[in-house]
Amino acid sequence: MIGNTTRPFRLDLALTYYMLGNVAGCTRILEELAATDGISANSGIVSDLLDDMRADPGRAARRLEAWEDANIAQFGLAPSMVRGTPRR
């Protein structure tokens, strides 16, 4: 996916950076997305997450965990989860 500059890919990359502990990389991409955000499907997600990252990183972590939990439930992924594995 080298060279992919689509907004969904860049948001996914930012979240991947965050999950890997690269908070600076995540924040940089979110700031770039927010700076170019007109009205897009992800504009609220980007701005809300960026606000959380700046004000309260713990709130950002809880937001991402809630998204993860919602996706696990929505897509029926619980059987594929490794039990007993701590979150980050």
PDB file of N, CA and C in Angstrom:
ATOM      1  N   MET A   1       0.819  -1.188   0.000  1.00  0.00           N
ATOM      2  CA  MET A   1       0.000   0.000   0.000  1.00  0.00           C
ATOM      3  C   MET A   1       0.870   1.263   0.000  1.00  0.00           C
ATOM      4  N   ILE A   2       2.145   1.086  -0.291  1.00  0.00           N
ATOM      5  CA  ILE A   2       3.052   2.237  -0.346  1.00  0.00           C
ATOM      6  C   ILE A   2       2.523   3.241  -1.356  1.00  0.00           C
ATOM      7  N   GLY A   3       2.483   4.492  -0.949  1.00  0.00           N
ATOM      8  CA  GLY A   3       2.018   5.557  -1.821  1.00  0.00           C
ATOM      9  C   GLY A   3       0.522   5.798  -1.774  1.00  0.00           C
ATOM     10  N   ASN A   4      -0.211   4.993  -1.029  1.00  0.00           N
ATOM     11  CA  ASN A   4      -1.655   5.175  -0.920  1.00  0.00           C
ATOM     12  C   ASN A   4      -1.916   6.422  -0.077  1.00  0.00           C
ATOM     13  N   THR A   5      -2.597   7.385  -0.661  1.00  0.00           N
ATOM     14  CA  THR A   5      -2.867   8.640   0.043  1.00  0.00           C
ATOM     15  C   THR A   5      -4.362   8.874   0.266  1.00  0.00           C
ATOM     16  N   THR A   6      -5.169   7.838   0.092  1.00  0.00           N
ATOM     17  CA  THR A   6      -6.601   8.017   0.310  1.00  0.00           C
ATOM     18  C   THR A   6      -6.871   8.283   1.791  1.00  0.00           C
ATOM     19  N   ARG A   7      -7.925   9.020   2.046  1.00  0.00           N
ATOM     20  CA  ARG A   7      -8.269   9.380   3.429  1.00  0.00           C
ATOM     21  C   ARG A   7      -8.520   8.145   4.295  1.00  0.00           C
ATOM     22  N   PRO A   8      -9.299   7.161   3.828  1.00  0.00           N
ATOM     23  CA  PRO A   8      -9.514   5.987   4.686  1.00  0.00           C
ATOM     24  C   PRO A   8      -8.205   5.255   5.014  1.00  0.00           C
ATOM     25  N   PHE A   9      -7.315   5.159   4.032  1.00  0.00           N
ATOM     26  CA  PHE A   9      -6.041   4.490   4.290  1.00  0.00           C
ATOM     27  C   PHE A   9      -5.224   5.275   5.315  1.00  0.00           C
ATOM     28  N   ARG A  10      -5.186   6.596   5.166  1.00  0.00           N
ATOM     29  CA  ARG A  10      -4.386   7.413   6.084  1.00  0.00           C
ATOM     30  C   ARG A  10      -4.950   7.365   7.503  1.00  0.00           C
ATOM     31  N   LEU A  11      -6.282   7.330   7.636  1.00  0.00           N
ATOM     32  CA  LEU A  11      -6.878   7.190   8.960  1.00  0.00           C
ATOM     33  C   LEU A  11      -6.511   5.826   9.546  1.00  0.00           C
ATOM     34  N   ASP A  12      -6.596   4.782   8.742  1.00  0.00           N
ATOM     35  CA  ASP A  12      -6.225   3.449   9.196  1.00  0.00           C
ATOM     36  C   ASP A  12      -4.751   3.411   9.599  1.00  0.00           C
ATOM     37  N   LEU A  13      -3.894   4.058   8.824  1.00  0.00           N
ATOM     38  CA  LEU A  13      -2.473   4.117   9.145  1.00  0.00           C
ATOM     39  C   LEU A  13      -2.253   4.841  10.479  1.00  0.00           C
ATOM     40  N   ALA A  14      -2.959   5.929  10.692  1.00  0.00           N
ATOM     41  CA  ALA A  14      -2.847   6.655  11.964  1.00  0.00           C
ATOM     42  C   ALA A  14      -3.230   5.749  13.130  1.00  0.00           C
ATOM     43  N   LEU A  15      -4.325   5.009  12.982  1.00  0.00           N
ATOM     44  CA  LEU A  15      -4.766   4.120  14.053  1.00  0.00           C
ATOM     45  C   LEU A  15      -3.777   2.981  14.262  1.00  0.00           C
ATOM     46  N   THR A  16      -3.193   2.492  13.179  1.00  0.00           N
ATOM     47  CA  THR A  16      -2.171   1.448  13.289  1.00  0.00           C
ATOM     48  C   THR A  16      -0.960   1.974  14.047  1.00  0.00           C
ATOM     49  N   TYR A  17      -0.523   3.181  13.711  1.00  0.00           N
ATOM     50  CA  TYR A  17       0.584   3.787  14.446  1.00  0.00           C
ATOM     51  C   TYR A  17       0.264   3.866  15.932  1.00  0.00           C
ATOM     52  N   TYR A  18      -0.945   4.298  16.252  1.00  0.00           N
ATOM     53  CA  TYR A  18      -1.339   4.415  17.652  1.00  0.00           C
ATOM     54  C   TYR A  18      -1.262   3.052  18.344  1.00  0.00           C
ATOM     55  N   MET A  19      -1.816   2.029  17.699  1.00  0.00           N
ATOM     56  CA  MET A  19      -1.837   0.697  18.287  1.00  0.00           C
ATOM     57  C   MET A  19      -0.425   0.148  18.500  1.00  0.00           C
ATOM     58  N   LEU A  20       0.519   0.598  17.679  1.00  0.00           N
ATOM     59  CA  LEU A  20       1.910   0.156  17.809  1.00  0.00           C
ATOM     60  C   LEU A  20       2.710   1.022  18.782  1.00  0.00           C
ATOM     61  N   GLY A  21       2.060   2.037  19.347  1.00  0.00           N
ATOM     62  CA  GLY A  21       2.718   2.894  20.312  1.00  0.00           C
ATOM     63  C   GLY A  21       3.367   4.130  19.724  1.00  0.00           C
ATOM     64  N   ASN A  22       3.172   4.362  18.428  1.00  0.00           N
ATOM     65  CA  ASN A  22       3.744   5.539  17.773  1.00  0.00           C
ATOM     66  C   ASN A  22       2.703   6.663  17.804  1.00  0.00           C
ATOM     67  N   VAL A  23       2.524   7.247  18.984  1.00  0.00           N
ATOM     68  CA  VAL A  23       1.506   8.281  19.176  1.00  0.00           C
ATOM     69  C   VAL A  23       1.843   9.525  18.354  1.00  0.00           C
ATOM     70  N   ALA A  24       3.121   9.857  18.254  1.00  0.00           N
ATOM     71  CA  ALA A  24       3.526  11.034  17.465  1.00  0.00           C
ATOM     72  C   ALA A  24       3.157  10.851  16.000  1.00  0.00           C
ATOM     73  N   GLY A  25       3.399   9.668  15.455  1.00  0.00           N
ATOM     74  CA  GLY A  25       3.039   9.402  14.062  1.00  0.00           C
ATOM     75  C   GLY A  25       1.542   9.457  13.849  1.00  0.00           C
ATOM     76  N   CYS A  26       0.794   8.910  14.790  1.00  0.00           N
ATOM     77  CA  CYS A  26      -0.669   8.951  14.729  1.00  0.00           C
ATOM     78  C   CYS A  26      -1.159  10.391  14.737  1.00  0.00           C
ATOM     79  N   THR A  27      -0.656  11.172  15.680  1.00  0.00           N
ATOM     80  CA  THR A  27      -1.086  12.558  15.819  1.00  0.00           C
ATOM     81  C   THR A  27      -0.749  13.363  14.570  1.00  0.00           C
ATOM     82  N   ARG A  28       0.442  13.135  14.012  1.00  0.00           N
ATOM     83  CA  ARG A  28       0.857  13.862  12.803  1.00  0.00           C
ATOM     84  C   ARG A  28      -0.116  13.604  11.655  1.00  0.00           C
ATOM     85  N   ILE A  29      -0.473  12.359  11.442  1.00  0.00           N
ATOM     86  CA  ILE A  29      -1.400  12.033  10.348  1.00  0.00           C
ATOM     87  C   ILE A  29      -2.782  12.616  10.630  1.00  0.00           C
ATOM     88  N   LEU A  30      -3.264  12.510  11.870  1.00  0.00           N
ATOM     89  CA  LEU A  30      -4.571  13.082  12.205  1.00  0.00           C
ATOM     90  C   LEU A  30      -4.576  14.588  11.984  1.00  0.00           C
ATOM     91  N   GLU A  31      -3.481  15.255  12.348  1.00  0.00           N
ATOM     92  CA  GLU A  31      -3.393  16.702  12.120  1.00  0.00           C
ATOM     93  C   GLU A  31      -3.419  17.027  10.628  1.00  0.00           C
ATOM     94  N   GLU A  32      -2.724  16.235   9.820  1.00  0.00           N
ATOM     95  CA  GLU A  32      -2.740  16.442   8.368  1.00  0.00           C
ATOM     96  C   GLU A  32      -4.147  16.242   7.815  1.00  0.00           C
ATOM     97  N   LEU A  33      -4.818  15.192   8.283  1.00  0.00           N
ATOM     98  CA  LEU A  33      -6.189  14.941   7.823  1.00  0.00           C
ATOM     99  C   LEU A  33      -7.122  16.069   8.248  1.00  0.00           C
ATOM    100  N   ALA A  34      -6.980  16.520   9.483  1.00  0.00           N
ATOM    101  CA  ALA A  34      -7.846  17.601   9.988  1.00  0.00           C
ATOM    102  C   ALA A  34      -7.612  18.893   9.223  1.00  0.00           C
ATOM    103  N   ALA A  35      -6.365  19.150   8.836  1.00  0.00           N
ATOM    104  CA  ALA A  35      -6.037  20.385   8.110  1.00  0.00           C
ATOM    105  C   ALA A  35      -6.654  20.399   6.720  1.00  0.00           C
ATOM    106  N   THR A  36      -6.876  19.229   6.152  1.00  0.00           N
ATOM    107  CA  THR A  36      -7.433  19.153   4.801  1.00  0.00           C
ATOM    108  C   THR A  36      -8.894  18.708   4.819  1.00  0.00           C
ATOM    109  N   ASP A  37      -9.470  18.626   6.012  1.00  0.00           N
ATOM    110  CA  ASP A  37     -10.836  18.125   6.142  1.00  0.00           C
ATOM    111  C   ASP A  37     -11.852  19.183   5.760  1.00  0.00           C
ATOM    112  N   GLY A  38     -12.566  18.905   4.717  1.00  0.00           N
ATOM    113  CA  GLY A  38     -13.756  19.684   4.419  1.00  0.00           C
ATOM    114  C   GLY A  38     -14.884  18.925   5.091  1.00  0.00           C
ATOM    115  N   ILE A  39     -15.856  18.604   4.332  1.00  0.00           N
ATOM    116  CA  ILE A  39     -16.932  17.767   4.846  1.00  0.00           C
ATOM    117  C   ILE A  39     -16.702  16.393   4.256  1.00  0.00           C
ATOM    118  N   SER A  40     -16.290  15.489   5.106  1.00  0.00           N
ATOM    119  CA  SER A  40     -16.042  14.127   4.658  1.00  0.00           C
ATOM    120  C   SER A  40     -16.666  13.171   5.653  1.00  0.00           C
ATOM    121  N   ALA A  41     -16.746  11.923   5.253  1.00  0.00           N
ATOM    122  CA  ALA A  41     -17.340  10.915   6.121  1.00  0.00           C
ATOM    123  C   ALA A  41     -16.561  10.754   7.416  1.00  0.00           C
ATOM    124  N   ASN A  42     -15.265  11.060   7.389  1.00  0.00           N
ATOM    125  CA  ASN A  42     -14.426  10.849   8.564  1.00  0.00           C
ATOM    126  C   ASN A  42     -14.095  12.123   9.321  1.00  0.00           C
ATOM    127  N   SER A  43     -14.621  13.275   8.918  1.00  0.00           N
ATOM    128  CA  SER A  43     -14.185  14.531   9.535  1.00  0.00           C
ATOM    129  C   SER A  43     -14.453  14.564  11.035  1.00  0.00           C
ATOM    130  N   GLY A  44     -15.614  14.116  11.482  1.00  0.00           N
ATOM    131  CA  GLY A  44     -15.916  14.102  12.912  1.00  0.00           C
ATOM    132  C   GLY A  44     -15.050  13.113  13.667  1.00  0.00           C
ATOM    133  N   ILE A  45     -14.811  11.968  13.076  1.00  0.00           N
ATOM    134  CA  ILE A  45     -13.958  10.953  13.697  1.00  0.00           C
ATOM    135  C   ILE A  45     -12.557  11.512  13.894  1.00  0.00           C
ATOM    136  N   VAL A  46     -12.014  12.122  12.855  1.00  0.00           N
ATOM    137  CA  VAL A  46     -10.658  12.657  12.908  1.00  0.00           C
ATOM    138  C   VAL A  46     -10.559  13.757  13.955  1.00  0.00           C
ATOM    139  N   SER A  47     -11.459  14.721  13.915  1.00  0.00           N
ATOM    140  CA  SER A  47     -11.364  15.844  14.849  1.00  0.00           C
ATOM    141  C   SER A  47     -11.594  15.401  16.288  1.00  0.00           C
ATOM    142  N   ASP A  48     -12.553  14.505  16.509  1.00  0.00           N
ATOM    143  CA  ASP A  48     -12.823  14.026  17.867  1.00  0.00           C
ATOM    144  C   ASP A  48     -11.627  13.255  18.423  1.00  0.00           C
ATOM    145  N   LEU A  49     -11.053  12.374  17.612  1.00  0.00           N
ATOM    146  CA  LEU A  49      -9.911  11.596  18.075  1.00  0.00           C
ATOM    147  C   LEU A  49      -8.698  12.493  18.311  1.00  0.00           C
ATOM    148  N   LEU A  50      -8.481  13.445  17.430  1.00  0.00           N
ATOM    149  CA  LEU A  50      -7.362  14.366  17.598  1.00  0.00           C
ATOM    150  C   LEU A  50      -7.540  15.202  18.872  1.00  0.00           C
ATOM    151  N   ASP A  51      -8.740  15.663  19.127  1.00  0.00           N
ATOM    152  CA  ASP A  51      -9.003  16.403  20.371  1.00  0.00           C
ATOM    153  C   ASP A  51      -8.681  15.537  21.591  1.00  0.00           C
ATOM    154  N   ASP A  52      -9.107  14.263  21.542  1.00  0.00           N
ATOM    155  CA  ASP A  52      -8.811  13.352  22.644  1.00  0.00           C
ATOM    156  C   ASP A  52      -7.312  13.137  22.805  1.00  0.00           C
ATOM    157  N   MET A  53      -6.602  12.963  21.699  1.00  0.00           N
ATOM    158  CA  MET A  53      -5.163  12.725  21.756  1.00  0.00           C
ATOM    159  C   MET A  53      -4.454  13.902  22.418  1.00  0.00           C
ATOM    160  N   ARG A  54      -4.901  15.093  22.112  1.00  0.00           N
ATOM    161  CA  ARG A  54      -4.271  16.296  22.661  1.00  0.00           C
ATOM    162  C   ARG A  54      -4.643  16.529  24.125  1.00  0.00           C
ATOM    163  N   ALA A  55      -5.904  16.340  24.463  1.00  0.00           N
ATOM    164  CA  ALA A  55      -6.396  16.688  25.794  1.00  0.00           C
ATOM    165  C   ALA A  55      -6.245  15.563  26.811  1.00  0.00           C
ATOM    166  N   ASP A  56      -6.542  14.343  26.381  1.00  0.00           N
ATOM    167  CA  ASP A  56      -6.560  13.222  27.322  1.00  0.00           C
ATOM    168  C   ASP A  56      -6.281  11.927  26.570  1.00  0.00           C
ATOM    169  N   PRO A  57      -5.023  11.524  26.453  1.00  0.00           N
ATOM    170  CA  PRO A  57      -4.700  10.293  25.725  1.00  0.00           C
ATOM    171  C   PRO A  57      -5.444   9.066  26.247  1.00  0.00           C
ATOM    172  N   GLY A  58      -5.772   9.057  27.542  1.00  0.00           N
ATOM    173  CA  GLY A  58      -6.549   7.947  28.086  1.00  0.00           C
ATOM    174  C   GLY A  58      -7.939   7.878  27.475  1.00  0.00           C
ATOM    175  N   ARG A  59      -8.533   9.050  27.233  1.00  0.00           N
ATOM    176  CA  ARG A  59      -9.852   9.095  26.594  1.00  0.00           C
ATOM    177  C   ARG A  59      -9.747   8.594  25.152  1.00  0.00           C
ATOM    178  N   ALA A  60      -8.656   8.928  24.482  1.00  0.00           N
ATOM    179  CA  ALA A  60      -8.434   8.430  23.119  1.00  0.00           C
ATOM    180  C   ALA A  60      -8.345   6.906  23.136  1.00  0.00           C
ATOM    181  N   ALA A  61      -7.632   6.355  24.103  1.00  0.00           N
ATOM    182  CA  ALA A  61      -7.500   4.896  24.215  1.00  0.00           C
ATOM    183  C   ALA A  61      -8.867   4.253  24.440  1.00  0.00           C
ATOM    184  N   ARG A  62      -9.665   4.861  25.315  1.00  0.00           N
ATOM    185  CA  ARG A  62     -11.013   4.312  25.574  1.00  0.00           C
ATOM    186  C   ARG A  62     -11.890   4.394  24.331  1.00  0.00           C
ATOM    187  N   ARG A  63     -11.745   5.473  23.565  1.00  0.00           N
ATOM    188  CA  ARG A  63     -12.517   5.625  22.321  1.00  0.00           C
ATOM    189  C   ARG A  63     -12.150   4.499  21.343  1.00  0.00           C
ATOM    190  N   LEU A  64     -10.856   4.248  21.190  1.00  0.00           N
ATOM    191  CA  LEU A  64     -10.412   3.204  20.268  1.00  0.00           C
ATOM    192  C   LEU A  64     -10.834   1.819  20.741  1.00  0.00           C
ATOM    193  N   GLU A  65     -10.784   1.583  22.040  1.00  0.00           N
ATOM    194  CA  GLU A  65     -11.248   0.302  22.576  1.00  0.00           C
ATOM    195  C   GLU A  65     -12.737   0.115  22.327  1.00  0.00           C
ATOM    196  N   ALA A  66     -13.518   1.187  22.445  1.00  0.00           N
ATOM    197  CA  ALA A  66     -14.958   1.103  22.175  1.00  0.00           C
ATOM    198  C   ALA A  66     -15.208   0.790  20.705  1.00  0.00           C
ATOM    199  N   TRP A  67     -14.426   1.414  19.802  1.00  0.00           N
ATOM    200  CA  TRP A  67     -14.562   1.107  18.368  1.00  0.00           C
ATOM    201  C   TRP A  67     -14.222  -0.356  18.116  1.00  0.00           C
ATOM    202  N   GLU A  68     -13.147  -0.820  18.756  1.00  0.00           N
ATOM    203  CA  GLU A  68     -12.729  -2.211  18.582  1.00  0.00           C
ATOM    204  C   GLU A  68     -13.826  -3.157  19.074  1.00  0.00           C
ATOM    205  N   ASP A  69     -14.362  -2.882  20.257  1.00  0.00           N
ATOM    206  CA  ASP A  69     -15.430  -3.716  20.809  1.00  0.00           C
ATOM    207  C   ASP A  69     -16.655  -3.727  19.901  1.00  0.00           C
ATOM    208  N   ALA A  70     -17.012  -2.559  19.360  1.00  0.00           N
ATOM    209  CA  ALA A  70     -18.167  -2.475  18.461  1.00  0.00           C
ATOM    210  C   ALA A  70     -17.930  -3.299  17.190  1.00  0.00           C
ATOM    211  N   ASN A  71     -16.723  -3.236  16.651  1.00  0.00           N
ATOM    212  CA  ASN A  71     -16.415  -4.016  15.448  1.00  0.00           C
ATOM    213  C   ASN A  71     -16.423  -5.509  15.734  1.00  0.00           C
ATOM    214  N   ILE A  72     -15.913  -5.901  16.891  1.00  0.00           N
ATOM    215  CA  ILE A  72     -15.927  -7.314  17.270  1.00  0.00           C
ATOM    216  C   ILE A  72     -17.362  -7.815  17.326  1.00  0.00           C
ATOM    217  N   ALA A  73     -18.236  -7.028  17.941  1.00  0.00           N
ATOM    218  CA  ALA A  73     -19.647  -7.415  18.049  1.00  0.00           C
ATOM    219  C   ALA A  73     -20.335  -7.392  16.686  1.00  0.00           C
ATOM    220  N   GLN A  74     -20.131  -6.313  15.918  1.00  0.00           N
ATOM    221  CA  GLN A  74     -20.817  -6.151  14.636  1.00  0.00           C
ATOM    222  C   GLN A  74     -20.449  -7.246  13.642  1.00  0.00           C
ATOM    223  N   PHE A  75     -19.184  -7.620  13.622  1.00  0.00           N
ATOM    224  CA  PHE A  75     -18.719  -8.581  12.622  1.00  0.00           C
ATOM    225  C   PHE A  75     -18.568  -9.994  13.173  1.00  0.00           C
ATOM    226  N   GLY A  76     -19.026 -10.224  14.400  1.00  0.00           N
ATOM    227  CA  GLY A  76     -18.994 -11.567  14.977  1.00  0.00           C
ATOM    228  C   GLY A  76     -17.584 -12.126  15.115  1.00  0.00           C
ATOM    229  N   LEU A  77     -16.655 -11.290  15.565  1.00  0.00           N
ATOM    230  CA  LEU A  77     -15.254 -11.700  15.620  1.00  0.00           C
ATOM    231  C   LEU A  77     -14.838 -12.334  16.940  1.00  0.00           C
ATOM    232  N   ALA A  78     -15.725 -12.376  17.920  1.00  0.00           N
ATOM    233  CA  ALA A  78     -15.355 -12.894  19.243  1.00  0.00           C
ATOM    234  C   ALA A  78     -14.725 -14.286  19.175  1.00  0.00           C
ATOM    235  N   PRO A  79     -15.243 -15.222  18.360  1.00  0.00           N
ATOM    236  CA  PRO A  79     -14.617 -16.543  18.321  1.00  0.00           C
ATOM    237  C   PRO A  79     -13.167 -16.529  17.815  1.00  0.00           C
ATOM    238  N   SER A  80     -12.797 -15.503  17.105  1.00  0.00           N
ATOM    239  CA  SER A  80     -11.435 -15.452  16.570  1.00  0.00           C
ATOM    240  C   SER A  80     -10.457 -14.745  17.507  1.00  0.00           C
ATOM    241  N   MET A  81     -10.971 -14.201  18.615  1.00  0.00           N
ATOM    242  CA  MET A  81     -10.131 -13.461  19.544  1.00  0.00           C
ATOM    243  C   MET A  81      -9.342 -14.435  20.420  1.00  0.00           C
ATOM    244  N   VAL A  82      -8.102 -14.057  20.725  1.00  0.00           N
ATOM    245  CA  VAL A  82      -7.277 -14.853  21.637  1.00  0.00           C
ATOM    246  C   VAL A  82      -7.683 -14.462  23.050  1.00  0.00           C
ATOM    247  N   ARG A  83      -8.169 -15.415  23.791  1.00  0.00           N
ATOM    248  CA  ARG A  83      -8.633 -15.149  25.149  1.00  0.00           C
ATOM    249  C   ARG A  83      -7.443 -14.948  26.087  1.00  0.00           C
ATOM    250  N   GLY A  84      -7.584 -14.044  27.010  1.00  0.00           N
ATOM    251  CA  GLY A  84      -6.551 -13.823  28.003  1.00  0.00           C
ATOM    252  C   GLY A  84      -5.441 -12.900  27.532  1.00  0.00           C
ATOM    253  N   THR A  85      -5.536 -12.391  26.303  1.00  0.00           N
ATOM    254  CA  THR A  85      -4.519 -11.477  25.796  1.00  0.00           C
ATOM    255  C   THR A  85      -4.879 -10.075  26.249  1.00  0.00           C
ATOM    256  N   PRO A  86      -3.983  -9.428  26.984  1.00  0.00           N
ATOM    257  CA  PRO A  86      -4.305  -8.088  27.466  1.00  0.00           C
ATOM    258  C   PRO A  86      -4.325  -7.080  26.322  1.00  0.00           C
ATOM    259  N   ARG A  87      -5.129  -6.067  26.494  1.00  0.00           N
ATOM    260  CA  ARG A  87      -5.120  -4.960  25.541  1.00  0.00           C
ATOM    261  C   ARG A  87      -3.834  -4.192  25.731  1.00  0.00           C
ATOM    262  N   ARG A  88      -3.327  -3.702  24.691  1.00  0.00           N
ATOM    263  CA  ARG A  88      -2.104  -2.883  24.686  1.00  0.00           C
ATOM    264  C   ARG A  88      -1.487  -2.835  26.021  1.00  0.00           C
TER     265      ARG A  88
END
